[in-house]
Protein backbone atom coordinates (compact mmCIF):
# COMPACT_ATOMS: atom_id res chain seq x y z
CA MET A 1 76.85 64.12 80.33
CA THR A 2 80.25 65.20 79.09
CA THR A 3 83.57 64.13 80.57
CA SER A 4 83.95 67.68 81.95
CA GLU A 5 80.59 67.38 83.71
CA LEU A 6 81.55 63.97 85.11
CA LYS A 7 84.82 65.42 86.45
CA LYS A 8 82.87 68.25 88.08
CA LEU A 9 80.45 65.75 89.64
CA VAL A 10 83.37 63.72 91.01
CA GLN A 11 84.89 66.88 92.50
CA GLU A 12 81.55 67.75 94.15
CA ILE A 13 81.30 64.26 95.66
CA VAL A 14 84.80 64.64 97.11
CA VAL A 15 83.95 68.07 98.58
CA ALA A 16 80.82 66.73 100.29
CA SER A 17 82.54 63.54 101.47
CA LYS A 18 85.50 65.47 102.86
CA CYS A 19 83.08 67.75 104.72
CA LEU A 20 81.26 64.73 106.20
CA SER A 21 84.56 63.10 107.19
CA GLU A 22 85.88 66.26 108.83
CA THR A 23 82.57 66.86 110.63
CA CYS A 24 82.58 63.40 112.21
CA THR A 25 86.30 62.79 112.80
CA TYR A 26 89.44 64.61 113.79
CA GLU A 27 91.08 63.46 110.57
CA LYS A 28 92.05 66.43 108.43
CA ASP A 29 93.81 66.44 105.07
CA VAL A 30 93.19 62.75 104.37
CA PRO A 31 93.80 62.07 100.68
CA VAL A 32 91.10 60.67 98.44
CA ASN A 33 91.99 57.42 96.70
CA TYR A 34 88.74 56.36 95.06
CA VAL A 35 85.33 57.78 94.13
CA CYS A 36 82.12 55.99 93.24
CA VAL A 37 79.29 57.78 91.45
CA PHE A 38 75.88 56.28 92.22
CA THR A 39 73.51 56.27 89.26
CA HIS A 40 69.76 56.30 89.71
CA THR A 41 68.47 55.12 86.33
CA ASP A 42 69.65 52.66 83.69
CA GLU A 43 69.96 55.55 81.23
CA GLU A 44 72.19 57.51 83.60
CA PHE A 45 74.33 54.41 84.20
CA THR A 46 74.86 53.93 80.45
CA GLU A 47 75.62 57.62 79.97
CA LEU A 48 78.20 57.73 82.78
CA ILE A 49 79.82 54.46 81.67
CA ASN A 50 80.26 55.96 78.20
CA CYS A 51 81.87 59.08 79.73
CA ALA A 52 84.14 57.06 81.99
CA ASN A 53 85.20 54.91 79.03
CA GLU A 54 86.25 58.09 77.21
CA MET A 55 88.34 59.09 80.23
CA GLY A 56 90.10 55.85 81.08
CA LYS A 57 90.14 52.07 81.09
CA VAL A 58 88.30 49.46 83.14
CA VAL A 59 90.59 47.87 85.74
CA GLN A 60 87.96 45.84 87.61
CA GLU A 61 84.47 44.56 86.86
CA THR A 62 82.22 44.26 89.90
CA ALA A 63 78.64 43.14 90.33
CA MET A 64 77.62 46.75 90.97
CA GLY A 65 79.61 48.34 88.13
CA PRO A 66 83.05 48.82 86.62
CA VAL A 67 86.08 50.51 88.18
CA PHE A 68 88.16 52.76 85.91
CA LEU A 69 91.73 54.02 86.02
CA ILE A 70 91.42 57.59 84.78
CA PRO A 71 93.76 60.51 84.13
CA PRO A 72 94.34 62.60 87.27
CA ILE A 73 91.48 64.75 88.51
CA SER A 74 92.42 67.47 90.98
CA THR A 75 90.12 67.52 94.04
CA VAL A 76 90.03 69.26 97.43
CA ALA A 77 91.47 66.02 98.86
CA GLY A 78 94.25 65.51 96.33
CA ILE A 79 94.59 63.80 92.98
CA LEU A 80 92.04 61.15 92.05
CA ARG A 81 92.84 58.30 89.62
CA ILE A 82 90.26 55.59 90.41
CA LEU A 83 86.57 55.98 89.58
CA LYS A 84 83.66 53.56 89.84
CA ILE A 85 80.27 53.97 88.22
CA ARG A 86 77.65 52.14 90.28
CA LYS A 87 74.50 50.60 88.85
CA PRO A 88 71.18 51.96 90.09
CA ASP A 89 70.32 50.61 93.54
CA LYS A 90 67.25 51.65 95.54
CA LYS A 91 69.32 51.17 98.73
CA ARG A 92 71.72 53.89 97.57
CA PRO A 93 69.81 57.15 96.98
CA GLU A 94 72.96 59.19 97.67
CA ARG A 95 74.97 60.74 94.83
CA GLY A 96 78.16 58.83 95.55
CA ASP A 97 81.00 58.17 97.91
CA ALA A 98 84.65 58.97 98.37
CA ASP A 99 87.19 56.63 99.91
CA PHE A 100 90.00 58.23 101.89
CA THR A 101 93.43 56.87 102.80
CA LEU A 102 94.30 56.91 106.48
CA SER A 103 97.85 56.95 107.84
CA ASP A 104 96.84 54.62 110.70
CA TYR A 105 93.72 52.62 109.88
CA PRO A 106 93.86 50.30 112.94
CA GLN A 107 94.00 53.27 115.34
CA PHE A 108 91.21 55.05 113.43
CA LYS A 109 89.06 51.91 113.54
CA GLU A 110 89.53 51.55 117.29
CA LYS A 111 88.67 55.18 117.89
CA TYR A 112 85.62 55.57 115.66
CA LEU A 113 83.99 52.20 115.00
CA LYS A 114 81.63 52.38 117.97
CA GLN A 115 80.56 55.94 117.22
CA SER A 116 77.26 56.79 115.59
CA GLY A 117 77.27 56.73 111.79
CA PHE A 118 80.18 54.29 111.46
CA ASP A 119 79.95 50.68 110.34
CA LEU A 120 82.47 47.98 109.42
CA ILE A 121 82.31 46.09 106.13
CA VAL A 122 84.57 43.06 105.79
CA ARG A 123 85.44 41.69 102.35
CA PRO A 124 87.70 38.75 101.46
CA ASN A 125 90.66 40.97 100.48
CA MET A 126 89.97 44.16 102.44
CA GLU A 127 87.83 45.81 105.03
CA MET A 128 86.39 49.27 105.16
CA MET A 129 84.74 51.57 107.60
CA GLU A 130 81.65 53.27 106.28
CA LEU A 131 80.47 56.67 107.48
CA MET A 132 76.98 57.85 106.74
CA ASN A 133 74.86 60.73 107.92
CA PRO A 134 71.35 61.40 106.55
CA CYS A 135 72.14 65.12 106.36
CA TYR A 136 74.63 64.38 103.55
CA ASN A 137 73.99 63.13 100.02
CA VAL A 138 77.23 61.13 100.04
CA LEU A 139 78.94 58.35 101.97
CA VAL A 140 82.54 58.10 103.15
CA TYR A 141 84.73 55.00 103.24
CA TYR A 142 88.12 54.33 104.76
CA SER A 143 89.51 51.12 103.20
CA TYR A 144 92.30 48.90 104.42
CA PRO A 145 94.19 48.19 102.31
CA THR A 146 93.21 50.77 99.69
CA LEU A 147 91.54 49.70 96.46
CA ALA A 148 94.67 50.67 94.52
CA GLU A 149 96.69 48.27 96.69
CA VAL A 150 94.11 45.49 96.31
CA LEU A 151 94.10 45.92 92.51
CA ASN A 152 97.91 46.34 92.47
CA ILE A 153 97.64 49.68 90.69
CA LYS A 154 100.70 51.91 90.90
CA LEU A 155 99.54 55.51 91.20
CA ASP A 156 101.91 58.37 90.50
């Protein structure tokens, strides 16, 4: 895969994730702040890591794969600067996920958490609402605070 193909894949994940988000919520025009590409083989993981390394630098190592700060990619939900490549995981057959920034996370959480498709994931330094629908090949996350804030990354 080339860096151009990886950028196109990222843009496709954002399109599908935005569609899922807008189908299940009243939130429109929420900006993307983070995308994760799910790999399905070790070979694909290595290939995408090599591409991502050409594009940017690793800003966080996680158990499931590295997070990169990359040059801006224009998407239907705004400019993207943070990209994760996820190791193969049989529990994640989807193609990836996009994380969107909400203007009022607490209100969003109260409104949508009990609705079908939504789940809450609590981490030591953040929490996120997950949205999944088997009709889509992507997931959606709404993190609070955002990953950029957690990693103390200043985005332009």
